[in-house]
Amino acid sequence: MNLFSTEGKEVMKAHAQISGKEITGNAVFTEYQFGTQTLIKIVLTLEGNPANIKPGQHAVHIHEKGTCEGEFKCAGGHFDPGPAGNPDTDVNHPFHAGDLPNIVIDENGKGVLEAVTTRVTLSEGPLCILSGEGSALMIHANQDPYKGGEHMSGVSGGPRIACGIIRRG
C-alpha cells in the first residue's frame, strides 16, 4: 500500500480578490491531496501605486474572519484555531496557522508570491479557512520578521494595506 503518492490530486479551489488604496490583486488557493497529506498552494499577485505599496517585502497572513471592513480591522487576528490557538497578531507570531511568507514588491509596485502550506485546509475540518466566519487574506505595509513581540507592537507586519475575503471556487 502506497501511503504517499508523488501524484497530487486537486481537491478544491478558493480565491480572494485583493483591494486596498490603489492596490489590487488576486489570490488562488488550491488544495491537493498527496496520499494522507493535504497541501494548499497559494498564488498571490499584487499590483499597486508604489506610493501605497512600497518596493520590498510585505507580510501576508490569513486572518480569522472573512471581512475586510473597518480599514481591514474587522478581519480580526491571524487564523489560529484550536484549544491552544492565539490569534494575537504579534504575541504568538510566527506560529499561527495563517502565517505565510512575505511577498516581494518590485519598484513598479508589482509582486507575485507562490507558497505552499500544510497549516490550513479548504476542506471541512478544524483547519478549514472557509467554514464558520470564513477568513481573509491580509497584506501589510511592512515585512514580517517571523518573530514575536509585545501585544499591539506591529512586529508581525504593521499596518494593514490590502485585504481580500477568501471564497470557494
N, C-alpha and C. Protein backbone atom coordinates (compact mmCIF):
# COMPACT_ATOMS: atom_id res chain seq x y z
N MET A 1 0.83 -1.18 0.00
CA MET A 1 0.00 0.00 0.00
C MET A 1 0.88 1.24 0.00
N ASN A 2 0.68 2.13 -0.95
CA ASN A 2 1.45 3.35 -1.08
C ASN A 2 0.73 4.47 -0.34
N LEU A 3 1.26 4.90 0.83
CA LEU A 3 0.62 5.94 1.63
C LEU A 3 0.93 7.34 1.11
N PHE A 4 2.03 7.50 0.42
CA PHE A 4 2.38 8.81 -0.11
C PHE A 4 2.57 8.71 -1.61
N SER A 5 1.70 9.35 -2.31
CA SER A 5 1.77 9.35 -3.77
C SER A 5 2.54 10.59 -4.23
N THR A 6 3.35 10.45 -5.26
CA THR A 6 4.03 11.59 -5.83
C THR A 6 3.11 12.37 -6.77
N GLU A 7 1.97 11.81 -7.07
CA GLU A 7 0.96 12.48 -7.90
C GLU A 7 -0.11 13.06 -7.00
N GLY A 8 -0.15 14.37 -6.88
CA GLY A 8 -1.16 15.01 -6.05
C GLY A 8 -2.49 15.09 -6.78
N LYS A 9 -3.56 14.95 -6.02
CA LYS A 9 -4.90 15.07 -6.56
C LYS A 9 -5.47 16.42 -6.14
N GLU A 10 -5.89 17.23 -7.12
CA GLU A 10 -6.52 18.51 -6.80
C GLU A 10 -7.89 18.24 -6.21
N VAL A 11 -8.12 18.80 -5.02
CA VAL A 11 -9.36 18.55 -4.29
C VAL A 11 -10.35 19.70 -4.45
N MET A 12 -9.85 20.93 -4.31
CA MET A 12 -10.75 22.07 -4.27
C MET A 12 -9.96 23.36 -4.47
N LYS A 13 -10.68 24.43 -4.87
CA LYS A 13 -10.06 25.75 -5.05
C LYS A 13 -10.84 26.81 -4.30
N ALA A 14 -10.13 27.89 -3.99
CA ALA A 14 -10.74 29.08 -3.41
C ALA A 14 -9.98 30.28 -3.99
N HIS A 15 -10.53 31.46 -3.81
CA HIS A 15 -9.87 32.66 -4.33
C HIS A 15 -10.17 33.86 -3.44
N ALA A 16 -9.40 34.91 -3.62
CA ALA A 16 -9.63 36.18 -2.93
C ALA A 16 -9.27 37.31 -3.89
N GLN A 17 -10.17 38.26 -4.03
CA GLN A 17 -9.89 39.49 -4.78
C GLN A 17 -9.35 40.49 -3.77
N ILE A 18 -8.12 40.92 -3.96
CA ILE A 18 -7.44 41.79 -3.02
C ILE A 18 -7.64 43.25 -3.43
N SER A 19 -7.92 44.10 -2.45
CA SER A 19 -8.01 45.53 -2.74
C SER A 19 -7.56 46.34 -1.54
N GLY A 20 -7.06 47.51 -1.84
CA GLY A 20 -6.61 48.48 -0.85
C GLY A 20 -6.54 49.82 -1.55
N LYS A 21 -5.93 50.80 -0.92
CA LYS A 21 -5.81 52.13 -1.53
C LYS A 21 -4.85 52.04 -2.71
N GLU A 22 -5.41 52.08 -3.92
CA GLU A 22 -4.65 51.96 -5.17
C GLU A 22 -3.81 50.68 -5.22
N ILE A 23 -4.35 49.60 -4.62
CA ILE A 23 -3.72 48.28 -4.64
C ILE A 23 -4.78 47.27 -5.05
N THR A 24 -4.45 46.42 -6.02
CA THR A 24 -5.35 45.35 -6.42
C THR A 24 -4.56 44.06 -6.55
N GLY A 25 -5.28 42.95 -6.51
CA GLY A 25 -4.60 41.67 -6.65
C GLY A 25 -5.58 40.53 -6.64
N ASN A 26 -5.02 39.35 -6.78
CA ASN A 26 -5.80 38.13 -6.82
C ASN A 26 -4.98 37.02 -6.15
N ALA A 27 -5.68 36.22 -5.38
CA ALA A 27 -5.04 35.05 -4.76
C ALA A 27 -5.85 33.82 -5.12
N VAL A 28 -5.16 32.75 -5.51
CA VAL A 28 -5.79 31.47 -5.81
C VAL A 28 -5.22 30.45 -4.82
N PHE A 29 -6.13 29.75 -4.15
CA PHE A 29 -5.78 28.71 -3.19
C PHE A 29 -6.20 27.38 -3.81
N THR A 30 -5.29 26.43 -3.92
CA THR A 30 -5.60 25.12 -4.46
C THR A 30 -5.20 24.07 -3.44
N GLU A 31 -6.18 23.23 -3.07
CA GLU A 31 -5.91 22.15 -2.12
C GLU A 31 -5.57 20.89 -2.90
N TYR A 32 -4.46 20.25 -2.50
CA TYR A 32 -4.02 18.99 -3.11
C TYR A 32 -3.96 17.92 -2.03
N GLN A 33 -4.27 16.71 -2.43
CA GLN A 33 -4.13 15.55 -1.54
C GLN A 33 -3.01 14.68 -2.10
N PHE A 34 -1.98 14.43 -1.30
CA PHE A 34 -0.87 13.54 -1.63
C PHE A 34 -0.93 12.40 -0.63
N GLY A 35 -1.59 11.32 -0.99
CA GLY A 35 -1.76 10.23 -0.03
C GLY A 35 -2.55 10.73 1.15
N THR A 36 -1.95 10.71 2.34
CA THR A 36 -2.63 11.19 3.55
C THR A 36 -2.32 12.65 3.86
N GLN A 37 -1.51 13.30 3.03
CA GLN A 37 -1.12 14.69 3.30
C GLN A 37 -1.96 15.66 2.48
N THR A 38 -2.37 16.74 3.14
CA THR A 38 -3.11 17.81 2.47
C THR A 38 -2.21 19.03 2.39
N LEU A 39 -2.06 19.57 1.19
CA LEU A 39 -1.24 20.76 0.96
C LEU A 39 -2.09 21.83 0.28
N ILE A 40 -1.86 23.07 0.64
CA ILE A 40 -2.51 24.19 -0.02
C ILE A 40 -1.44 25.00 -0.73
N LYS A 41 -1.63 25.20 -2.03
CA LYS A 41 -0.74 26.08 -2.80
C LYS A 41 -1.46 27.41 -2.95
N ILE A 42 -0.74 28.48 -2.66
CA ILE A 42 -1.29 29.82 -2.76
C ILE A 42 -0.47 30.59 -3.79
N VAL A 43 -1.16 31.19 -4.76
CA VAL A 43 -0.52 32.06 -5.74
C VAL A 43 -1.18 33.43 -5.60
N LEU A 44 -0.39 34.40 -5.17
CA LEU A 44 -0.87 35.76 -4.94
C LEU A 44 -0.17 36.70 -5.90
N THR A 45 -0.95 37.49 -6.62
CA THR A 45 -0.39 38.54 -7.47
C THR A 45 -0.93 39.88 -6.97
N LEU A 46 -0.04 40.86 -6.87
CA LEU A 46 -0.41 42.19 -6.41
C LEU A 46 0.13 43.24 -7.35
N GLU A 47 -0.59 44.35 -7.43
CA GLU A 47 -0.16 45.48 -8.22
C GLU A 47 -0.70 46.73 -7.56
N GLY A 48 0.13 47.75 -7.44
CA GLY A 48 -0.34 48.97 -6.82
C GLY A 48 0.57 50.14 -7.08
N ASN A 49 0.08 51.29 -6.71
CA ASN A 49 0.86 52.50 -6.79
C ASN A 49 2.01 52.37 -5.80
N PRO A 50 3.27 52.51 -6.26
CA PRO A 50 4.41 52.36 -5.34
C PRO A 50 4.37 53.30 -4.14
N ALA A 51 3.57 54.37 -4.20
CA ALA A 51 3.42 55.24 -3.04
C ALA A 51 2.61 54.55 -1.95
N ASN A 52 1.77 53.57 -2.33
CA ASN A 52 0.92 52.88 -1.37
C ASN A 52 1.39 51.47 -1.03
N ILE A 53 2.18 50.86 -1.91
CA ILE A 53 2.78 49.56 -1.63
C ILE A 53 4.24 49.66 -2.06
N LYS A 54 5.06 50.05 -1.11
CA LYS A 54 6.46 50.35 -1.39
C LYS A 54 7.23 49.11 -1.82
N PRO A 55 8.25 49.29 -2.66
CA PRO A 55 9.10 48.16 -3.04
C PRO A 55 9.72 47.50 -1.81
N GLY A 56 9.85 46.19 -1.88
CA GLY A 56 10.42 45.43 -0.78
C GLY A 56 9.47 44.34 -0.32
N GLN A 57 9.72 43.82 0.86
CA GLN A 57 8.94 42.71 1.39
C GLN A 57 7.74 43.21 2.20
N HIS A 58 6.63 42.49 2.04
CA HIS A 58 5.40 42.80 2.76
C HIS A 58 4.82 41.52 3.36
N ALA A 59 4.39 41.61 4.60
CA ALA A 59 3.80 40.46 5.30
C ALA A 59 2.48 40.06 4.65
N VAL A 60 2.24 38.74 4.59
CA VAL A 60 1.00 38.17 4.07
C VAL A 60 0.50 37.18 5.11
N HIS A 61 -0.76 37.34 5.53
CA HIS A 61 -1.34 36.45 6.54
C HIS A 61 -2.78 36.12 6.21
N ILE A 62 -3.22 34.96 6.64
CA ILE A 62 -4.63 34.61 6.62
C ILE A 62 -5.18 35.06 7.97
N HIS A 63 -6.21 35.90 7.93
CA HIS A 63 -6.82 36.42 9.16
C HIS A 63 -8.09 35.66 9.48
N GLU A 64 -8.51 35.70 10.74
CA GLU A 64 -9.52 34.80 11.29
C GLU A 64 -10.97 35.06 10.89
N LYS A 65 -11.28 36.19 10.26
CA LYS A 65 -12.66 36.49 9.89
C LYS A 65 -12.74 36.89 8.42
N GLY A 66 -13.78 36.45 7.74
CA GLY A 66 -13.97 36.73 6.32
C GLY A 66 -14.62 38.07 6.07
N THR A 67 -13.95 39.14 6.47
CA THR A 67 -14.42 40.50 6.23
C THR A 67 -13.21 41.42 6.08
N CYS A 68 -13.39 42.49 5.33
CA CYS A 68 -12.32 43.47 5.16
C CYS A 68 -12.80 44.86 5.55
N GLU A 69 -13.88 44.94 6.31
CA GLU A 69 -14.46 46.22 6.69
C GLU A 69 -13.63 46.92 7.76
N GLY A 70 -13.96 48.20 7.99
CA GLY A 70 -13.32 48.96 9.06
C GLY A 70 -11.83 49.10 8.90
N GLU A 71 -11.40 49.51 7.70
CA GLU A 71 -9.97 49.63 7.40
C GLU A 71 -9.25 48.31 7.65
N PHE A 72 -9.95 47.22 7.35
CA PHE A 72 -9.46 45.84 7.43
C PHE A 72 -9.34 45.32 8.87
N LYS A 73 -9.70 46.12 9.86
CA LYS A 73 -9.58 45.70 11.26
C LYS A 73 -10.61 44.64 11.64
N CYS A 74 -11.75 44.59 10.95
CA CYS A 74 -12.80 43.62 11.28
C CYS A 74 -12.38 42.19 10.94
N ALA A 75 -11.28 42.01 10.22
CA ALA A 75 -10.79 40.67 9.88
C ALA A 75 -10.18 39.97 11.08
N GLY A 76 -10.03 40.68 12.19
CA GLY A 76 -9.52 40.06 13.41
C GLY A 76 -8.02 39.78 13.34
N GLY A 77 -7.60 38.83 14.17
CA GLY A 77 -6.19 38.45 14.24
C GLY A 77 -5.86 37.37 13.24
N HIS A 78 -4.71 36.79 13.39
CA HIS A 78 -4.26 35.74 12.48
C HIS A 78 -5.06 34.46 12.72
N PHE A 79 -5.35 33.74 11.64
CA PHE A 79 -6.06 32.47 11.72
C PHE A 79 -5.23 31.51 12.55
N ASP A 80 -5.79 31.03 13.66
CA ASP A 80 -5.08 30.13 14.56
C ASP A 80 -6.09 29.36 15.40
N PRO A 81 -6.81 28.40 14.79
CA PRO A 81 -7.87 27.70 15.50
C PRO A 81 -7.34 26.71 16.54
N GLY A 82 -8.24 26.23 17.35
CA GLY A 82 -7.89 25.17 18.28
C GLY A 82 -7.88 25.62 19.71
N PRO A 83 -7.83 24.67 20.61
CA PRO A 83 -7.87 24.99 22.03
C PRO A 83 -6.65 25.75 22.51
N ALA A 84 -5.53 25.65 21.83
CA ALA A 84 -4.33 26.37 22.23
C ALA A 84 -4.05 27.53 21.27
N GLY A 85 -5.01 27.84 20.38
CA GLY A 85 -4.82 28.91 19.40
C GLY A 85 -4.72 30.27 20.07
N ASN A 86 -3.99 31.17 19.44
CA ASN A 86 -3.83 32.53 19.93
C ASN A 86 -3.74 33.45 18.72
N PRO A 87 -4.86 34.11 18.35
CA PRO A 87 -4.85 34.94 17.15
C PRO A 87 -4.15 36.29 17.31
N ASP A 88 -3.61 36.61 18.50
CA ASP A 88 -2.90 37.88 18.69
C ASP A 88 -1.82 37.99 17.61
N THR A 89 -1.92 39.02 16.80
CA THR A 89 -1.06 39.13 15.62
C THR A 89 0.42 39.24 15.94
N ASP A 90 0.77 39.67 17.14
CA ASP A 90 2.18 39.85 17.47
C ASP A 90 2.71 38.83 18.49
N VAL A 91 1.95 38.54 19.53
CA VAL A 91 2.44 37.72 20.64
C VAL A 91 2.77 36.29 20.21
N ASN A 92 1.90 35.63 19.47
CA ASN A 92 2.11 34.22 19.11
C ASN A 92 2.81 34.07 17.76
N HIS A 93 3.32 35.11 17.25
CA HIS A 93 3.90 35.08 15.91
C HIS A 93 5.29 34.44 15.93
N PRO A 94 5.70 33.64 15.02
CA PRO A 94 5.14 33.22 13.73
C PRO A 94 4.51 31.83 13.77
N PHE A 95 3.84 31.49 14.84
CA PHE A 95 3.33 30.13 15.00
C PHE A 95 1.86 29.97 14.65
N HIS A 96 1.22 30.99 14.10
CA HIS A 96 -0.18 30.90 13.69
C HIS A 96 -0.33 30.02 12.45
N ALA A 97 -1.47 29.39 12.33
CA ALA A 97 -1.75 28.61 11.13
C ALA A 97 -1.81 29.51 9.90
N GLY A 98 -2.18 30.78 10.08
CA GLY A 98 -2.33 31.70 8.95
C GLY A 98 -1.08 32.46 8.57
N ASP A 99 0.06 32.19 9.19
CA ASP A 99 1.30 32.88 8.84
C ASP A 99 1.85 32.34 7.52
N LEU A 100 2.14 33.24 6.59
CA LEU A 100 2.64 32.89 5.25
C LEU A 100 3.94 33.65 4.98
N PRO A 101 4.67 33.28 3.93
CA PRO A 101 5.88 34.02 3.58
C PRO A 101 5.56 35.45 3.12
N ASN A 102 6.57 36.31 3.17
CA ASN A 102 6.44 37.67 2.65
C ASN A 102 6.31 37.65 1.14
N ILE A 103 5.65 38.68 0.60
CA ILE A 103 5.63 38.90 -0.85
C ILE A 103 6.64 40.01 -1.14
N VAL A 104 7.37 39.89 -2.24
CA VAL A 104 8.33 40.91 -2.64
C VAL A 104 7.70 41.76 -3.74
N ILE A 105 7.65 43.06 -3.49
CA ILE A 105 7.09 44.02 -4.45
C ILE A 105 8.25 44.73 -5.14
N ASP A 106 8.19 44.81 -6.47
CA ASP A 106 9.27 45.47 -7.22
C ASP A 106 9.07 46.98 -7.27
N GLU A 107 9.98 47.68 -7.93
CA GLU A 107 9.94 49.15 -8.00
C GLU A 107 8.74 49.68 -8.78
N ASN A 108 8.07 48.82 -9.55
CA ASN A 108 6.87 49.21 -10.29
C ASN A 108 5.58 48.93 -9.52
N GLY A 109 5.71 48.42 -8.31
CA GLY A 109 4.53 48.14 -7.49
C GLY A 109 3.90 46.79 -7.77
N LYS A 110 4.66 45.87 -8.35
CA LYS A 110 4.12 44.54 -8.69
C LYS A 110 4.86 43.45 -7.94
N GLY A 111 4.12 42.37 -7.63
CA GLY A 111 4.75 41.25 -6.97
C GLY A 111 3.93 39.98 -7.11
N VAL A 112 4.61 38.84 -7.00
CA VAL A 112 3.97 37.53 -7.05
C VAL A 112 4.54 36.69 -5.92
N LEU A 113 3.66 36.01 -5.21
CA LEU A 113 4.07 35.07 -4.17
C LEU A 113 3.48 33.72 -4.50
N GLU A 114 4.31 32.70 -4.52
CA GLU A 114 3.86 31.32 -4.63
C GLU A 114 4.34 30.62 -3.37
N ALA A 115 3.40 30.06 -2.61
CA ALA A 115 3.73 29.43 -1.34
C ALA A 115 2.91 28.16 -1.17
N VAL A 116 3.42 27.26 -0.34
CA VAL A 116 2.73 26.02 0.00
C VAL A 116 2.65 25.96 1.52
N THR A 117 1.49 25.53 2.03
CA THR A 117 1.32 25.39 3.47
C THR A 117 0.56 24.12 3.80
N THR A 118 0.88 23.55 4.93
CA THR A 118 0.13 22.40 5.48
C THR A 118 -0.65 22.84 6.71
N ARG A 119 -0.62 24.12 7.03
CA ARG A 119 -1.23 24.64 8.26
C ARG A 119 -2.73 24.90 8.14
N VAL A 120 -3.26 24.96 6.93
CA VAL A 120 -4.69 25.22 6.72
C VAL A 120 -5.24 24.26 5.68
N THR A 121 -6.58 24.19 5.60
CA THR A 121 -7.24 23.40 4.55
C THR A 121 -8.39 24.20 3.97
N LEU A 122 -8.85 23.76 2.80
CA LEU A 122 -10.08 24.28 2.21
C LEU A 122 -11.22 23.32 2.52
N SER A 123 -10.89 22.05 2.69
CA SER A 123 -11.87 21.02 3.04
C SER A 123 -12.29 21.19 4.49
N GLU A 124 -13.51 20.76 4.78
CA GLU A 124 -14.04 20.86 6.14
C GLU A 124 -13.12 20.16 7.14
N GLY A 125 -13.03 20.74 8.31
CA GLY A 125 -12.20 20.21 9.37
C GLY A 125 -11.72 21.34 10.25
N PRO A 126 -10.94 21.05 11.26
CA PRO A 126 -10.53 22.08 12.22
C PRO A 126 -9.62 23.17 11.65
N LEU A 127 -8.98 22.93 10.52
CA LEU A 127 -8.07 23.93 9.93
C LEU A 127 -8.67 24.61 8.69
N CYS A 128 -9.97 24.41 8.46
CA CYS A 128 -10.62 24.95 7.27
C CYS A 128 -10.75 26.47 7.35
N ILE A 129 -10.26 27.17 6.33
CA ILE A 129 -10.33 28.63 6.29
C ILE A 129 -11.62 29.14 5.64
N LEU A 130 -12.49 28.22 5.20
CA LEU A 130 -13.74 28.60 4.55
C LEU A 130 -14.96 28.45 5.44
N SER A 131 -14.87 27.71 6.52
CA SER A 131 -16.04 27.45 7.35
C SER A 131 -16.20 28.53 8.43
N GLY A 132 -17.31 28.47 9.15
CA GLY A 132 -17.58 29.44 10.21
C GLY A 132 -17.68 30.84 9.65
N GLU A 133 -16.92 31.76 10.23
CA GLU A 133 -16.92 33.16 9.78
C GLU A 133 -16.06 33.36 8.54
N GLY A 134 -15.45 32.29 8.04
CA GLY A 134 -14.56 32.41 6.89
C GLY A 134 -13.24 33.04 7.30
N SER A 135 -12.50 33.54 6.33
CA SER A 135 -11.21 34.16 6.61
C SER A 135 -10.88 35.15 5.50
N ALA A 136 -9.85 35.94 5.75
CA ALA A 136 -9.43 36.96 4.78
C ALA A 136 -7.91 36.87 4.60
N LEU A 137 -7.45 37.25 3.42
CA LEU A 137 -6.02 37.32 3.15
C LEU A 137 -5.62 38.78 3.31
N MET A 138 -4.62 39.03 4.17
CA MET A 138 -4.21 40.38 4.51
C MET A 138 -2.80 40.66 4.03
N ILE A 139 -2.62 41.87 3.48
CA ILE A 139 -1.30 42.35 3.08
C ILE A 139 -0.96 43.51 4.01
N HIS A 140 0.27 43.50 4.53
CA HIS A 140 0.70 44.53 5.47
C HIS A 140 1.72 45.46 4.84
N ALA A 141 1.89 46.64 5.45
CA ALA A 141 2.81 47.66 4.93
C ALA A 141 4.27 47.27 5.08
N ASN A 142 4.57 46.46 6.09
CA ASN A 142 5.97 46.12 6.38
C ASN A 142 6.21 44.63 6.20
N GLN A 143 7.46 44.25 6.21
CA GLN A 143 7.80 42.83 6.13
C GLN A 143 7.54 42.14 7.44
N ASP A 144 7.40 40.86 7.38
CA ASP A 144 7.22 40.02 8.55
C ASP A 144 8.60 39.47 8.92
N PRO A 145 9.12 39.79 10.11
CA PRO A 145 10.43 39.28 10.50
C PRO A 145 10.36 37.87 11.10
N TYR A 146 9.15 37.30 11.19
CA TYR A 146 8.94 35.94 11.72
C TYR A 146 9.44 35.79 13.14
N LYS A 147 9.10 36.78 13.97
CA LYS A 147 9.40 36.68 15.39
C LYS A 147 8.27 37.36 16.15
N GLY A 148 8.05 36.95 17.39
CA GLY A 148 7.01 37.52 18.21
C GLY A 148 7.42 38.83 18.84
N GLY A 149 6.43 39.50 19.42
CA GLY A 149 6.67 40.78 20.09
C GLY A 149 5.56 41.06 21.07
N GLU A 150 5.58 42.22 21.64
CA GLU A 150 4.56 42.64 22.59
C GLU A 150 3.22 42.83 21.89
N HIS A 151 2.12 42.66 22.62
CA HIS A 151 0.77 42.89 22.10
C HIS A 151 0.68 44.29 21.50
N MET A 152 0.15 44.37 20.28
CA MET A 152 -0.05 45.63 19.54
C MET A 152 1.26 46.30 19.11
N SER A 153 2.36 45.58 19.10
CA SER A 153 3.64 46.19 18.71
C SER A 153 3.77 46.33 17.20
N GLY A 154 3.00 45.58 16.43
CA GLY A 154 3.09 45.65 14.97
C GLY A 154 4.26 44.89 14.39
N VAL A 155 4.94 44.11 15.22
CA VAL A 155 6.14 43.41 14.76
C VAL A 155 5.84 42.44 13.61
N SER A 156 4.62 41.94 13.52
CA SER A 156 4.32 40.93 12.51
C SER A 156 3.97 41.50 11.13
N GLY A 157 4.12 42.78 10.93
CA GLY A 157 3.88 43.35 9.59
C GLY A 157 3.34 44.75 9.57
N GLY A 158 2.95 45.26 10.70
CA GLY A 158 2.49 46.64 10.77
C GLY A 158 1.12 46.88 10.17
N PRO A 159 0.88 48.10 9.68
CA PRO A 159 -0.45 48.47 9.18
C PRO A 159 -0.95 47.55 8.07
N ARG A 160 -2.26 47.38 8.05
CA ARG A 160 -2.92 46.58 7.02
C ARG A 160 -3.21 47.47 5.82
N ILE A 161 -2.71 47.08 4.63
CA ILE A 161 -2.86 47.96 3.46
C ILE A 161 -3.74 47.37 2.35
N ALA A 162 -4.02 46.09 2.39
CA ALA A 162 -4.90 45.47 1.38
C ALA A 162 -5.46 44.18 1.96
N CYS A 163 -6.65 43.80 1.47
CA CYS A 163 -7.35 42.66 2.04
C CYS A 163 -8.27 42.04 0.99
N GLY A 164 -8.52 40.75 1.14
CA GLY A 164 -9.47 40.05 0.29
C GLY A 164 -10.13 38.92 1.03
N ILE A 165 -11.44 38.78 0.89
CA ILE A 165 -12.18 37.70 1.53
C ILE A 165 -11.93 36.41 0.74
N ILE A 166 -11.58 35.34 1.43
CA ILE A 166 -11.32 34.06 0.79
C ILE A 166 -12.65 33.34 0.57
N ARG A 167 -12.94 33.00 -0.69
CA ARG A 167 -14.22 32.38 -1.06
C ARG A 167 -13.99 31.10 -1.86
N ARG A 168 -14.93 30.17 -1.75
CA ARG A 168 -14.88 28.92 -2.52
C ARG A 168 -14.87 29.23 -4.02
N GLY A 169 -14.24 28.30 -4.75
CA GLY A 169 -14.32 28.38 -6.22
C GLY A 169 -13.16 29.01 -6.89
